[in-house]
Amino acid sequence: MAFKSDEYYMSIAIELARKAASEGETPVGAVVVRNDGFIAGKGRNSRERDRNALCHAEIAAIDEACRTLGGWRLCGCTIYVTLEPCPMCAGAIINSRLDKLVFAAADPRSGSAGSVADIFGLGYDHRPEIVPGIMEKECKELLKDFFGELRRKNRKMSGIKTVEVKTSEQVKKVAAMADEIWHEWFPSIISVEQIDYMLDKFQSESAIENQLKNENYRYFIVMKGGEYVGYTAVRPDSDGRLFLSKIYIKKEHRRKGYGKAVFEFLKEICRENGLNAIWLTVNKHNDDSINVYKKCGFKIIGEDVTDIGSGYVMDDYFFQLDV
C-alpha cells in the first residue's frame, strides 16, 4: 500500500462533507491516514442528527482510527479535514499525537490553527505539522452552497422572499416604504420634524443610492407572495461583524414571524461571509423594538448619543447578537 497525494485524501474528506450536507449537517469531513496510505478512520459532522456537541468530523475520525489501530496514540498518522479545526478538535488532535494536520478552508469564526487562535502554538508537549489550504476553493464552495440553500429553505418555511435591491425602481420602492413605516412607527418616540429630517438624510432615494454605491451597504426587500412587506439594510464591517442598519416590517404584516425569518436570513449571510456577530443601534425609547431584539437573543453592549445635525440627536442603545 502506497501513500497517495494530499489532494487524494482531501477528496475523500470532501465526499464525507457532502454526505453531511445531504443530511442537513454543516459540511465538514475528516480522514485519518497512516503513513503507509492506510485509511484508519473517517468522520463527518453529525451534531444535528445525534444532538451532541461532540459529534464533529475530526472527533469521529479520530475515534474510529483509535479503534481500528488499537490505541489512543496515532503517531505516524495524518488527519485531513475540510475546515480548520475548532478548539475542541484541535485539542483532540494534540492529545491523539497525530503527526500532521492538513485542512482545506480557514474558519474565521472558530478556527484554532491560526484564524481565531493558534492552540497548536501554546506550548503543549506535542505539535503536529500543519498544512493549510489544500483544495481550499472546493471546500469554500461547498460551505457557501450549503448555507445558501439553508437560507433559501428558511425563507421558504416562513413564506417570505428576500430580493436584493439592484435597480432604481427598487430603491424608489424602499424609500416609499421607509416614508410610510417611519411616519407610522416613530411619532410616539421622536418629532415629525425629526422623522422628516432623518428620512431625507438616511432613507431618501439619493441617500440609499449613495449607501449602495459608496458605503458598502446591501438592501433587501422582504416579500410575501407578490406583496412588499418590509425591508432590511446591512453593512459588513472590517471588525468581522454585520451592521444591521435597518429592519422594518409594515404594520399589517407584523407579528407573523417575518422579522424572525429576516434575522435567520441575516445569520446565514454572516456564516456565509465569515462574520461572527450582528450589531445594531436602537432608540432608547423604542420599547417594542428593544423587546423584540432581546427576545431574539440580542444583548446591550453599549450606548451613545450621536449628533446628526440640525439640532437633532440619536440617543441609542447598541445591541449585538453573536452568530
C-alpha atoms as a PDB file:
ATOM      1  CA  MET A   1       0.000   0.000   0.000  1.00  0.00           C
ATOM      2  CA  ALA A   2       1.458   3.365  -1.039  1.00  0.00           C
ATOM      3  CA  PHE A   3       0.738   6.795   0.375  1.00  0.00           C
ATOM      4  CA  LYS A   4      -1.059   8.952  -2.195  1.00  0.00           C
ATOM      5  CA  SER A   5      -1.291  12.736  -2.528  1.00  0.00           C
ATOM      6  CA  ASP A   6      -2.791  15.189  -0.048  1.00  0.00           C
ATOM      7  CA  GLU A   7      -5.409  16.001  -2.671  1.00  0.00           C
ATOM      8  CA  TYR A   8      -6.450  12.366  -2.899  1.00  0.00           C
ATOM      9  CA  TYR A   9      -7.198  12.081   0.827  1.00  0.00           C
ATOM     10  CA  MET A  10      -8.770  15.525   0.987  1.00  0.00           C
ATOM     11  CA  SER A  11     -11.112  14.449  -1.824  1.00  0.00           C
ATOM     12  CA  ILE A  12     -12.312  11.624   0.414  1.00  0.00           C
ATOM     13  CA  ALA A  13     -12.878  14.109   3.230  1.00  0.00           C
ATOM     14  CA  ILE A  14     -14.854  16.315   0.842  1.00  0.00           C
ATOM     15  CA  GLU A  15     -17.124  13.406  -0.085  1.00  0.00           C
ATOM     16  CA  LEU A  16     -17.791  12.867   3.620  1.00  0.00           C
ATOM     17  CA  ALA A  17     -18.588  16.577   3.923  1.00  0.00           C
ATOM     18  CA  ARG A  18     -21.039  16.286   1.022  1.00  0.00           C
ATOM     19  CA  LYS A  19     -22.700  13.371   2.811  1.00  0.00           C
ATOM     20  CA  ALA A  20     -23.033  15.517   5.937  1.00  0.00           C
ATOM     21  CA  ALA A  21     -24.604  18.312   3.878  1.00  0.00           C
ATOM     22  CA  SER A  22     -27.132  15.889   2.378  1.00  0.00           C
ATOM     23  CA  GLU A  23     -28.183  15.054   5.953  1.00  0.00           C
ATOM     24  CA  GLY A  24     -28.664  18.701   6.871  1.00  0.00           C
ATOM     25  CA  GLU A  25     -25.358  18.984   8.722  1.00  0.00           C
ATOM     26  CA  THR A  26     -22.705  21.643   8.251  1.00  0.00           C
ATOM     27  CA  PRO A  27     -20.486  20.067   5.567  1.00  0.00           C
ATOM     28  CA  VAL A  28     -17.282  19.022   7.309  1.00  0.00           C
ATOM     29  CA  GLY A  29     -15.483  15.743   6.682  1.00  0.00           C
ATOM     30  CA  ALA A  30     -12.268  14.259   8.078  1.00  0.00           C
ATOM     31  CA  VAL A  31      -9.981  11.305   7.319  1.00  0.00           C
ATOM     32  CA  VAL A  32      -7.126   9.841   9.382  1.00  0.00           C
ATOM     33  CA  VAL A  33      -4.450   8.239   7.195  1.00  0.00           C
ATOM     34  CA  ARG A  34      -1.483   6.162   8.364  1.00  0.00           C
ATOM     35  CA  ASN A  35       1.871   6.997   6.768  1.00  0.00           C
ATOM     36  CA  ASP A  36       1.681   3.874   4.576  1.00  0.00           C
ATOM     37  CA  GLY A  37      -1.568   5.129   2.997  1.00  0.00           C
ATOM     38  CA  PHE A  38      -3.946   3.008   5.090  1.00  0.00           C
ATOM     39  CA  ILE A  39      -7.159   4.939   5.925  1.00  0.00           C
ATOM     40  CA  ALA A  40      -7.692   4.240   9.612  1.00  0.00           C
ATOM     41  CA  GLY A  41     -10.660   6.481  10.325  1.00  0.00           C
ATOM     42  CA  LYS A  42     -13.338   8.566   8.649  1.00  0.00           C
ATOM     43  CA  GLY A  43     -15.783  11.040  10.108  1.00  0.00           C
ATOM     44  CA  ARG A  44     -18.317  13.687   9.208  1.00  0.00           C
ATOM     45  CA  ASN A  45     -20.221  16.302  11.168  1.00  0.00           C
ATOM     46  CA  SER A  46     -23.363  14.842  12.809  1.00  0.00           C
ATOM     47  CA  ARG A  47     -24.219  17.259  15.603  1.00  0.00           C
ATOM     48  CA  GLU A  48     -27.807  17.820  14.493  1.00  0.00           C
ATOM     49  CA  ARG A  49     -28.567  14.138  13.869  1.00  0.00           C
ATOM     50  CA  ASP A  50     -27.012  12.938  17.117  1.00  0.00           C
ATOM     51  CA  ARG A  51     -27.927  16.048  19.142  1.00  0.00           C
ATOM     52  CA  ASN A  52     -24.413  16.011  20.543  1.00  0.00           C
ATOM     53  CA  ALA A  53     -21.927  18.893  20.610  1.00  0.00           C
ATOM     54  CA  LEU A  54     -19.037  16.406  20.450  1.00  0.00           C
ATOM     55  CA  CYS A  55     -20.012  14.976  17.058  1.00  0.00           C
ATOM     56  CA  HIS A  56     -17.537  16.882  14.906  1.00  0.00           C
ATOM     57  CA  ALA A  57     -15.912  15.239  11.902  1.00  0.00           C
ATOM     58  CA  GLU A  58     -12.424  15.212  13.446  1.00  0.00           C
ATOM     59  CA  ILE A  59     -13.628  13.598  16.687  1.00  0.00           C
ATOM     60  CA  ALA A  60     -15.440  10.856  14.747  1.00  0.00           C
ATOM     61  CA  ALA A  61     -12.412  10.167  12.527  1.00  0.00           C
ATOM     62  CA  ILE A  62     -10.007  10.072  15.482  1.00  0.00           C
ATOM     63  CA  ASP A  63     -12.341   7.774  17.427  1.00  0.00           C
ATOM     64  CA  GLU A  64     -12.586   5.318  14.538  1.00  0.00           C
ATOM     65  CA  ALA A  65      -8.827   5.424  13.926  1.00  0.00           C
ATOM     66  CA  CYS A  66      -8.069   4.656  17.592  1.00  0.00           C
ATOM     67  CA  ARG A  67     -10.430   1.672  17.498  1.00  0.00           C
ATOM     68  CA  THR A  68      -9.051   0.458  14.156  1.00  0.00           C
ATOM     69  CA  LEU A  69      -5.395   0.740  15.184  1.00  0.00           C
ATOM     70  CA  GLY A  70      -5.956  -0.429  18.723  1.00  0.00           C
ATOM     71  CA  GLY A  71      -4.589   2.500  20.696  1.00  0.00           C
ATOM     72  CA  TRP A  72      -5.044   6.169  21.515  1.00  0.00           C
ATOM     73  CA  ARG A  73      -1.688   7.269  20.126  1.00  0.00           C
ATOM     74  CA  LEU A  74      -1.993   8.000  16.415  1.00  0.00           C
ATOM     75  CA  CYS A  75       1.707   8.615  15.847  1.00  0.00           C
ATOM     76  CA  GLY A  76       2.611   8.129  12.194  1.00  0.00           C
ATOM     77  CA  CYS A  77      -0.813   9.363  11.018  1.00  0.00           C
ATOM     78  CA  THR A  78      -2.152  12.477   9.291  1.00  0.00           C
ATOM     79  CA  ILE A  79      -5.642  13.924   9.649  1.00  0.00           C
ATOM     80  CA  TYR A  80      -7.257  15.578   6.629  1.00  0.00           C
ATOM     81  CA  VAL A  81     -10.217  17.864   7.355  1.00  0.00           C
ATOM     82  CA  THR A  82     -12.203  20.164   5.085  1.00  0.00           C
ATOM     83  CA  LEU A  83     -12.442  23.017   7.617  1.00  0.00           C
ATOM     84  CA  GLU A  84      -9.928  24.430  10.083  1.00  0.00           C
ATOM     85  CA  PRO A  85     -10.469  22.677  13.434  1.00  0.00           C
ATOM     86  CA  CYS A  86     -12.305  24.308  16.348  1.00  0.00           C
ATOM     87  CA  PRO A  87     -10.721  24.422  19.852  1.00  0.00           C
ATOM     88  CA  MET A  88     -12.202  21.053  20.832  1.00  0.00           C
ATOM     89  CA  CYS A  89     -10.920  19.285  17.738  1.00  0.00           C
ATOM     90  CA  ALA A  90      -7.533  20.989  17.927  1.00  0.00           C
ATOM     91  CA  GLY A  91      -7.211  19.590  21.446  1.00  0.00           C
ATOM     92  CA  ALA A  92      -8.166  16.113  20.247  1.00  0.00           C
ATOM     93  CA  ILE A  93      -5.530  16.289  17.500  1.00  0.00           C
ATOM     94  CA  ILE A  94      -2.874  17.203  20.067  1.00  0.00           C
ATOM     95  CA  ASN A  95      -3.993  14.538  22.550  1.00  0.00           C
ATOM     96  CA  SER A  96      -4.036  11.781  19.929  1.00  0.00           C
ATOM     97  CA  ARG A  97      -0.457  12.603  18.887  1.00  0.00           C
ATOM     98  CA  LEU A  98      -1.252  12.910  15.195  1.00  0.00           C
ATOM     99  CA  ASP A  99       1.849  13.761  13.173  1.00  0.00           C
ATOM    100  CA  LYS A 100       0.212  16.159  10.760  1.00  0.00           C
ATOM    101  CA  LEU A 101      -2.940  18.244  10.250  1.00  0.00           C
ATOM    102  CA  VAL A 102      -3.949  19.078   6.678  1.00  0.00           C
ATOM    103  CA  PHE A 103      -7.018  21.305   6.315  1.00  0.00           C
ATOM    104  CA  ALA A 104      -8.714  22.999   3.384  1.00  0.00           C
ATOM    105  CA  ALA A 105     -10.707  26.132   4.295  1.00  0.00           C
ATOM    106  CA  ALA A 106      -9.883  28.507   7.126  1.00  0.00           C
ATOM    107  CA  ASP A 107     -12.650  29.160   9.664  1.00  0.00           C
ATOM    108  CA  PRO A 108     -12.697  32.860  10.657  1.00  0.00           C
ATOM    109  CA  ARG A 109     -15.361  32.198  13.306  1.00  0.00           C
ATOM    110  CA  SER A 110     -13.788  29.405  15.385  1.00  0.00           C
ATOM    111  CA  GLY A 111     -10.662  28.178  13.603  1.00  0.00           C
ATOM    112  CA  SER A 112      -7.967  27.283  16.116  1.00  0.00           C
ATOM    113  CA  ALA A 113      -4.988  26.733  13.838  1.00  0.00           C
ATOM    114  CA  GLY A 114      -4.387  30.450  13.394  1.00  0.00           C
ATOM    115  CA  SER A 115      -7.638  32.132  12.348  1.00  0.00           C
ATOM    116  CA  VAL A 116      -9.083  32.952  15.786  1.00  0.00           C
ATOM    117  CA  ALA A 117      -6.377  31.353  17.916  1.00  0.00           C
ATOM    118  CA  ASP A 118      -3.410  29.047  17.442  1.00  0.00           C
ATOM    119  CA  ILE A 119      -3.930  26.312  20.010  1.00  0.00           C
ATOM    120  CA  PHE A 120      -1.130  24.309  18.437  1.00  0.00           C
ATOM    121  CA  GLY A 121       1.338  27.064  19.298  1.00  0.00           C
ATOM    122  CA  LEU A 122       0.554  27.269  23.009  1.00  0.00           C
ATOM    123  CA  GLY A 123       3.491  25.168  24.154  1.00  0.00           C
ATOM    124  CA  TYR A 124       1.907  21.760  24.601  1.00  0.00           C
ATOM    125  CA  ASP A 125       4.208  18.746  24.545  1.00  0.00           C
ATOM    126  CA  HIS A 126       3.028  17.751  21.062  1.00  0.00           C
ATOM    127  CA  ARG A 127       2.685  19.960  17.989  1.00  0.00           C
ATOM    128  CA  PRO A 128       1.660  18.421  14.661  1.00  0.00           C
ATOM    129  CA  GLU A 129       2.891  19.711  11.348  1.00  0.00           C
ATOM    130  CA  ILE A 130       0.154  21.944   9.895  1.00  0.00           C
ATOM    131  CA  VAL A 131      -0.583  22.263   6.171  1.00  0.00           C
ATOM    132  CA  PRO A 132      -3.448  24.659   5.319  1.00  0.00           C
ATOM    133  CA  GLY A 133      -5.202  25.420   2.050  1.00  0.00           C
ATOM    134  CA  ILE A 134      -5.319  22.010   0.329  1.00  0.00           C
ATOM    135  CA  MET A 135      -8.375  22.108  -2.006  1.00  0.00           C
ATOM    136  CA  GLU A 136      -9.486  25.272  -0.255  1.00  0.00           C
ATOM    137  CA  LYS A 137     -11.610  26.542  -3.156  1.00  0.00           C
ATOM    138  CA  GLU A 138     -13.674  23.350  -3.369  1.00  0.00           C
ATOM    139  CA  CYS A 139     -14.399  23.328   0.356  1.00  0.00           C
ATOM    140  CA  LYS A 140     -15.299  27.014   0.459  1.00  0.00           C
ATOM    141  CA  GLU A 141     -17.748  26.480  -2.391  1.00  0.00           C
ATOM    142  CA  LEU A 142     -19.289  23.534  -0.553  1.00  0.00           C
ATOM    143  CA  LEU A 143     -19.831  25.643   2.574  1.00  0.00           C
ATOM    144  CA  LYS A 144     -21.182  28.572   0.553  1.00  0.00           C
ATOM    145  CA  ASP A 145     -23.645  26.361  -1.322  1.00  0.00           C
ATOM    146  CA  PHE A 146     -24.801  24.697   1.899  1.00  0.00           C
ATOM    147  CA  PHE A 147     -25.510  27.922   3.746  1.00  0.00           C
ATOM    148  CA  GLY A 148     -27.114  29.474   0.674  1.00  0.00           C
ATOM    149  CA  GLU A 149     -29.505  26.537   0.395  1.00  0.00           C
ATOM    150  CA  LEU A 150     -30.205  26.658   4.134  1.00  0.00           C
ATOM    151  CA  ARG A 151     -31.081  30.318   3.833  1.00  0.00           C
ATOM    152  CA  ARG A 152     -33.444  29.606   0.950  1.00  0.00           C
ATOM    153  CA  LYS A 153     -35.155  26.852   2.956  1.00  0.00           C
ATOM    154  CA  ASN A 154     -35.594  29.120   5.961  1.00  0.00           C
ATOM    155  CA  ARG A 155     -37.201  31.776   3.807  1.00  0.00           C
ATOM    156  CA  LYS A 156     -39.436  29.197   2.132  1.00  0.00           C
ATOM    157  CA  MET A 157     -40.614  27.904   5.506  1.00  0.00           C
ATOM    158  CA  SER A 158     -41.654  31.386   6.561  1.00  0.00           C
ATOM    159  CA  GLY A 159     -43.238  32.058   3.184  1.00  0.00           C
ATOM    160  CA  ILE A 160     -41.133  35.155   2.618  1.00  0.00           C
ATOM    161  CA  LYS A 161     -38.725  36.061  -0.134  1.00  0.00           C
ATOM    162  CA  THR A 162     -35.814  38.478   0.142  1.00  0.00           C
ATOM    163  CA  VAL A 163     -34.910  40.386  -3.018  1.00  0.00           C
ATOM    164  CA  GLU A 164     -31.647  42.314  -3.090  1.00  0.00           C
ATOM    165  CA  VAL A 165     -32.037  45.913  -4.212  1.00  0.00           C
ATOM    166  CA  LYS A 166     -30.226  46.484  -7.504  1.00  0.00           C
ATOM    167  CA  THR A 167     -32.362  48.843  -9.604  1.00  0.00           C
ATOM    168  CA  SER A 168     -33.555  52.439  -9.328  1.00  0.00           C
ATOM    169  CA  GLU A 169     -37.154  51.215  -9.202  1.00  0.00           C
ATOM    170  CA  GLN A 170     -36.338  49.014  -6.222  1.00  0.00           C
ATOM    171  CA  VAL A 171     -34.601  51.944  -4.492  1.00  0.00           C
ATOM    172  CA  LYS A 172     -37.711  54.035  -5.073  1.00  0.00           C
ATOM    173  CA  LYS A 173     -39.870  51.312  -3.518  1.00  0.00           C
ATOM    174  CA  VAL A 174     -37.644  51.093  -0.431  1.00  0.00           C
ATOM    175  CA  ALA A 175     -37.748  54.879   0.030  1.00  0.00           C
ATOM    176  CA  ALA A 176     -41.555  54.810  -0.245  1.00  0.00           C
ATOM    177  CA  MET A 177     -41.812  52.019   2.348  1.00  0.00           C
ATOM    178  CA  ALA A 178     -39.458  53.926   4.655  1.00  0.00           C
ATOM    179  CA  ASP A 179     -41.621  57.034   4.428  1.00  0.00           C
ATOM    180  CA  GLU A 180     -44.761  55.022   5.202  1.00  0.00           C
ATOM    181  CA  ILE A 181     -43.315  52.927   8.038  1.00  0.00           C
ATOM    182  CA  TRP A 182     -41.353  55.700   9.762  1.00  0.00           C
ATOM    183  CA  HIS A 183     -44.331  58.073   9.856  1.00  0.00           C
ATOM    184  CA  GLU A 184     -46.471  55.258  11.311  1.00  0.00           C
ATOM    185  CA  TRP A 185     -43.915  53.933  13.837  1.00  0.00           C
ATOM    186  CA  PHE A 186     -41.860  56.825  15.207  1.00  0.00           C
ATOM    187  CA  PRO A 187     -44.230  59.743  16.116  1.00  0.00           C
ATOM    188  CA  SER A 188     -44.555  58.421  19.678  1.00  0.00           C
ATOM    189  CA  ILE A 189     -40.746  58.449  20.042  1.00  0.00           C
ATOM    190  CA  ILE A 190     -39.417  61.437  18.084  1.00  0.00           C
ATOM    191  CA  SER A 191     -40.988  64.506  16.493  1.00  0.00           C
ATOM    192  CA  VAL A 192     -42.423  64.514  12.981  1.00  0.00           C
ATOM    193  CA  GLU A 193     -39.836  67.165  12.073  1.00  0.00           C
ATOM    194  CA  GLN A 194     -37.009  64.833  13.113  1.00  0.00           C
ATOM    195  CA  ILE A 195     -38.608  61.933  11.229  1.00  0.00           C
ATOM    196  CA  ASP A 196     -38.718  64.026   8.040  1.00  0.00           C
ATOM    197  CA  TYR A 197     -35.121  65.159   8.566  1.00  0.00           C
ATOM    198  CA  MET A 198     -33.849  61.611   9.136  1.00  0.00           C
ATOM    199  CA  LEU A 199     -35.773  60.228   6.169  1.00  0.00           C
ATOM    200  CA  ASP A 200     -34.223  62.835   3.899  1.00  0.00           C
ATOM    201  CA  LYS A 201     -30.736  62.268   5.336  1.00  0.00           C
ATOM    202  CA  PHE A 202     -30.751  58.462   5.554  1.00  0.00           C
ATOM    203  CA  GLN A 203     -33.675  56.970   3.600  1.00  0.00           C
ATOM    204  CA  SER A 204     -34.347  59.179   0.614  1.00  0.00           C
ATOM    205  CA  GLU A 205     -33.718  57.741  -2.834  1.00  0.00           C
ATOM    206  CA  SER A 206     -30.457  59.673  -3.163  1.00  0.00           C
ATOM    207  CA  ALA A 207     -29.284  58.614   0.315  1.00  0.00           C
ATOM    208  CA  ILE A 208     -29.964  54.936  -0.390  1.00  0.00           C
ATOM    209  CA  GLU A 209     -28.275  55.166  -3.801  1.00  0.00           C
ATOM    210  CA  ASN A 210     -25.190  56.639  -2.119  1.00  0.00           C
ATOM    211  CA  GLN A 211     -25.134  53.927   0.562  1.00  0.00           C
ATOM    212  CA  LEU A 212     -25.312  51.219  -2.076  1.00  0.00           C
ATOM    213  CA  LYS A 213     -22.676  52.791  -4.301  1.00  0.00           C
ATOM    214  CA  ASN A 214     -20.184  54.245  -1.836  1.00  0.00           C
ATOM    215  CA  GLU A 215     -20.756  52.836   1.653  1.00  0.00           C
ATOM    216  CA  ASN A 216     -20.852  49.065   1.078  1.00  0.00           C
ATOM    217  CA  TYR A 217     -24.497  48.687   2.146  1.00  0.00           C
ATOM    218  CA  ARG A 218     -26.803  45.951   0.902  1.00  0.00           C
ATOM    219  CA  TYR A 219     -30.579  46.464   0.892  1.00  0.00           C
ATOM    220  CA  PHE A 220     -33.163  43.689   0.672  1.00  0.00           C
ATOM    221  CA  ILE A 221     -36.889  43.985   0.048  1.00  0.00           C
ATOM    222  CA  VAL A 222     -38.951  41.480   2.054  1.00  0.00           C
ATOM    223  CA  MET A 223     -41.840  39.996   0.089  1.00  0.00           C
ATOM    224  CA  LYS A 224     -44.740  37.670   0.838  1.00  0.00           C
ATOM    225  CA  GLY A 225     -46.147  36.279  -2.365  1.00  0.00           C
ATOM    226  CA  GLY A 226     -46.108  39.288  -4.655  1.00  0.00           C
ATOM    227  CA  GLU A 227     -46.597  41.803  -1.853  1.00  0.00           C
ATOM    228  CA  TYR A 228     -43.962  44.068  -0.335  1.00  0.00           C
ATOM    229  CA  VAL A 229     -43.997  43.610   3.439  1.00  0.00           C
ATOM    230  CA  GLY A 230     -40.815  45.378   4.566  1.00  0.00           C
ATOM    231  CA  TYR A 231     -37.114  45.869   4.022  1.00  0.00           C
ATOM    232  CA  THR A 232     -33.721  45.487   5.674  1.00  0.00           C
ATOM    233  CA  ALA A 233     -30.291  47.033   5.148  1.00  0.00           C
ATOM    234  CA  VAL A 234     -26.909  45.724   6.292  1.00  0.00           C
ATOM    235  CA  ARG A 235     -23.212  46.535   6.006  1.00  0.00           C
ATOM    236  CA  PRO A 236     -20.295  44.158   6.685  1.00  0.00           C
ATOM    237  CA  ASP A 237     -17.742  45.827   8.969  1.00  0.00           C
ATOM    238  CA  SER A 238     -13.989  45.318   8.997  1.00  0.00           C
ATOM    239  CA  ASP A 239     -14.108  44.026  12.593  1.00  0.00           C
ATOM    240  CA  GLY A 240     -15.879  40.828  11.494  1.00  0.00           C
ATOM    241  CA  ARG A 241     -19.413  41.934  12.374  1.00  0.00           C
ATOM    242  CA  LEU A 242     -22.508  42.678  10.289  1.00  0.00           C
ATOM    243  CA  PHE A 243     -24.073  46.074  10.979  1.00  0.00           C
ATOM    244  CA  LEU A 244     -27.874  45.823  10.796  1.00  0.00           C
ATOM    245  CA  SER A 245     -28.750  49.348   9.763  1.00  0.00           C
ATOM    246  CA  LYS A 246     -32.459  48.883   9.093  1.00  0.00           C
ATOM    247  CA  ILE A 247     -35.123  46.228   9.578  1.00  0.00           C
ATOM    248  CA  TYR A 248     -38.741  47.300   9.161  1.00  0.00           C
ATOM    249  CA  ILE A 249     -41.958  45.352   8.592  1.00  0.00           C
ATOM    250  CA  LYS A 250     -45.151  47.133   7.551  1.00  0.00           C
ATOM    251  CA  LYS A 251     -47.822  47.404  10.237  1.00  0.00           C
ATOM    252  CA  GLU A 252     -50.280  44.931   8.708  1.00  0.00           C
ATOM    253  CA  HIS A 253     -47.602  42.240   8.454  1.00  0.00           C
ATOM    254  CA  ARG A 254     -46.169  42.367  11.966  1.00  0.00           C
ATOM    255  CA  ARG A 255     -46.454  39.530  14.491  1.00  0.00           C
ATOM    256  CA  LYS A 256     -46.414  36.934  11.719  1.00  0.00           C
ATOM    257  CA  GLY A 257     -42.831  35.760  12.175  1.00  0.00           C
ATOM    258  CA  TYR A 258     -41.432  37.695   9.214  1.00  0.00           C
ATOM    259  CA  GLY A 259     -38.966  39.658  11.324  1.00  0.00           C
ATOM    260  CA  LYS A 260     -37.613  36.451  12.860  1.00  0.00           C
ATOM    261  CA  ALA A 261     -37.222  34.960   9.388  1.00  0.00           C
ATOM    262  CA  VAL A 262     -35.224  38.032   8.326  1.00  0.00           C
ATOM    263  CA  PHE A 263     -32.918  37.567  11.334  1.00  0.00           C
ATOM    264  CA  GLU A 264     -32.299  33.957  10.264  1.00  0.00           C
ATOM    265  CA  PHE A 265     -31.540  35.211   6.751  1.00  0.00           C
ATOM    266  CA  LEU A 266     -29.015  37.694   8.162  1.00  0.00           C
ATOM    267  CA  LYS A 267     -27.380  34.993  10.305  1.00  0.00           C
ATOM    268  CA  GLU A 268     -26.787  32.959   7.167  1.00  0.00           C
ATOM    269  CA  ILE A 269     -25.228  35.983   5.471  1.00  0.00           C
ATOM    270  CA  CYS A 270     -22.853  36.168   8.436  1.00  0.00           C
ATOM    271  CA  ARG A 271     -21.954  32.487   8.258  1.00  0.00           C
ATOM    272  CA  GLU A 272     -21.504  32.639   4.508  1.00  0.00           C
ATOM    273  CA  ASN A 273     -19.122  35.581   4.775  1.00  0.00           C
ATOM    274  CA  GLY A 274     -17.227  34.565   7.901  1.00  0.00           C
ATOM    275  CA  LEU A 275     -18.791  37.246  10.128  1.00  0.00           C
ATOM    276  CA  ASN A 276     -19.196  36.468  13.824  1.00  0.00           C
ATOM    277  CA  ALA A 277     -21.930  38.832  15.053  1.00  0.00           C
ATOM    278  CA  ILE A 278     -24.799  41.130  14.100  1.00  0.00           C
ATOM    279  CA  TRP A 279     -24.942  44.543  15.769  1.00  0.00           C
ATOM    280  CA  LEU A 280     -27.386  47.428  15.588  1.00  0.00           C
ATOM    281  CA  THR A 281     -28.475  50.666  17.209  1.00  0.00           C
ATOM    282  CA  VAL A 282     -31.959  51.300  18.589  1.00  0.00           C
ATOM    283  CA  ASN A 283     -33.562  54.371  20.151  1.00  0.00           C
ATOM    284  CA  LYS A 284     -33.616  54.025  23.948  1.00  0.00           C
ATOM    285  CA  HIS A 285     -37.354  54.790  23.976  1.00  0.00           C
ATOM    286  CA  ASN A 286     -38.248  52.294  21.240  1.00  0.00           C
ATOM    287  CA  ASP A 287     -39.529  49.739  23.772  1.00  0.00           C
ATOM    288  CA  ASP A 288     -41.288  47.428  21.307  1.00  0.00           C
ATOM    289  CA  SER A 289     -38.190  47.007  19.130  1.00  0.00           C
ATOM    290  CA  ILE A 290     -35.962  46.597  22.180  1.00  0.00           C
ATOM    291  CA  ASN A 291     -38.185  43.770  23.425  1.00  0.00           C
ATOM    292  CA  VAL A 292     -38.064  42.064  20.019  1.00  0.00           C
ATOM    293  CA  TYR A 293     -34.277  42.258  19.882  1.00  0.00           C
ATOM    294  CA  LYS A 294     -33.928  40.865  23.390  1.00  0.00           C
ATOM    295  CA  LYS A 295     -36.335  38.044  22.575  1.00  0.00           C
ATOM    296  CA  CYS A 296     -34.189  37.172  19.533  1.00  0.00           C
ATOM    297  CA  GLY A 297     -31.064  36.931  21.687  1.00  0.00           C
ATOM    298  CA  PHE A 298     -29.512  40.371  21.218  1.00  0.00           C
ATOM    299  CA  LYS A 299     -27.724  41.899  24.223  1.00  0.00           C
ATOM    300  CA  ILE A 300     -26.916  45.523  25.055  1.00  0.00           C
ATOM    301  CA  ILE A 301     -23.201  46.193  24.544  1.00  0.00           C
ATOM    302  CA  GLY A 302     -23.173  49.978  24.883  1.00  0.00           C
ATOM    303  CA  GLU A 303     -24.982  53.271  24.364  1.00  0.00           C
ATOM    304  CA  ASP A 304     -24.304  56.669  22.847  1.00  0.00           C
ATOM    305  CA  VAL A 305     -25.821  59.988  21.861  1.00  0.00           C
ATOM    306  CA  THR A 306     -24.968  60.908  18.256  1.00  0.00           C
ATOM    307  CA  ASP A 307     -25.362  64.375  16.788  1.00  0.00           C
ATOM    308  CA  ILE A 308     -26.962  64.019  13.338  1.00  0.00           C
ATOM    309  CA  GLY A 309     -27.163  67.727  12.558  1.00  0.00           C
ATOM    310  CA  SER A 310     -29.821  70.475  12.580  1.00  0.00           C
ATOM    311  CA  GLY A 311     -30.105  70.196  16.361  1.00  0.00           C
ATOM    312  CA  TYR A 312     -31.183  66.538  16.299  1.00  0.00           C
ATOM    313  CA  VAL A 313     -29.549  63.599  18.048  1.00  0.00           C
ATOM    314  CA  MET A 314     -29.931  59.838  18.135  1.00  0.00           C
ATOM    315  CA  ASP A 315     -29.991  58.557  21.735  1.00  0.00           C
ATOM    316  CA  ASP A 316     -29.354  54.857  21.189  1.00  0.00           C
ATOM    317  CA  TYR A 317     -28.505  51.552  22.750  1.00  0.00           C
ATOM    318  CA  PHE A 318     -26.066  49.285  20.897  1.00  0.00           C
ATOM    319  CA  PHE A 319     -27.232  45.672  20.652  1.00  0.00           C
ATOM    320  CA  GLN A 320     -25.281  42.608  19.478  1.00  0.00           C
ATOM    321  CA  LEU A 321     -26.105  39.012  18.613  1.00  0.00           C
ATOM    322  CA  ASP A 322     -23.204  36.559  18.354  1.00  0.00           C
ATOM    323  CA  VAL A 323     -23.599  34.182  15.410  1.00  0.00           C
END
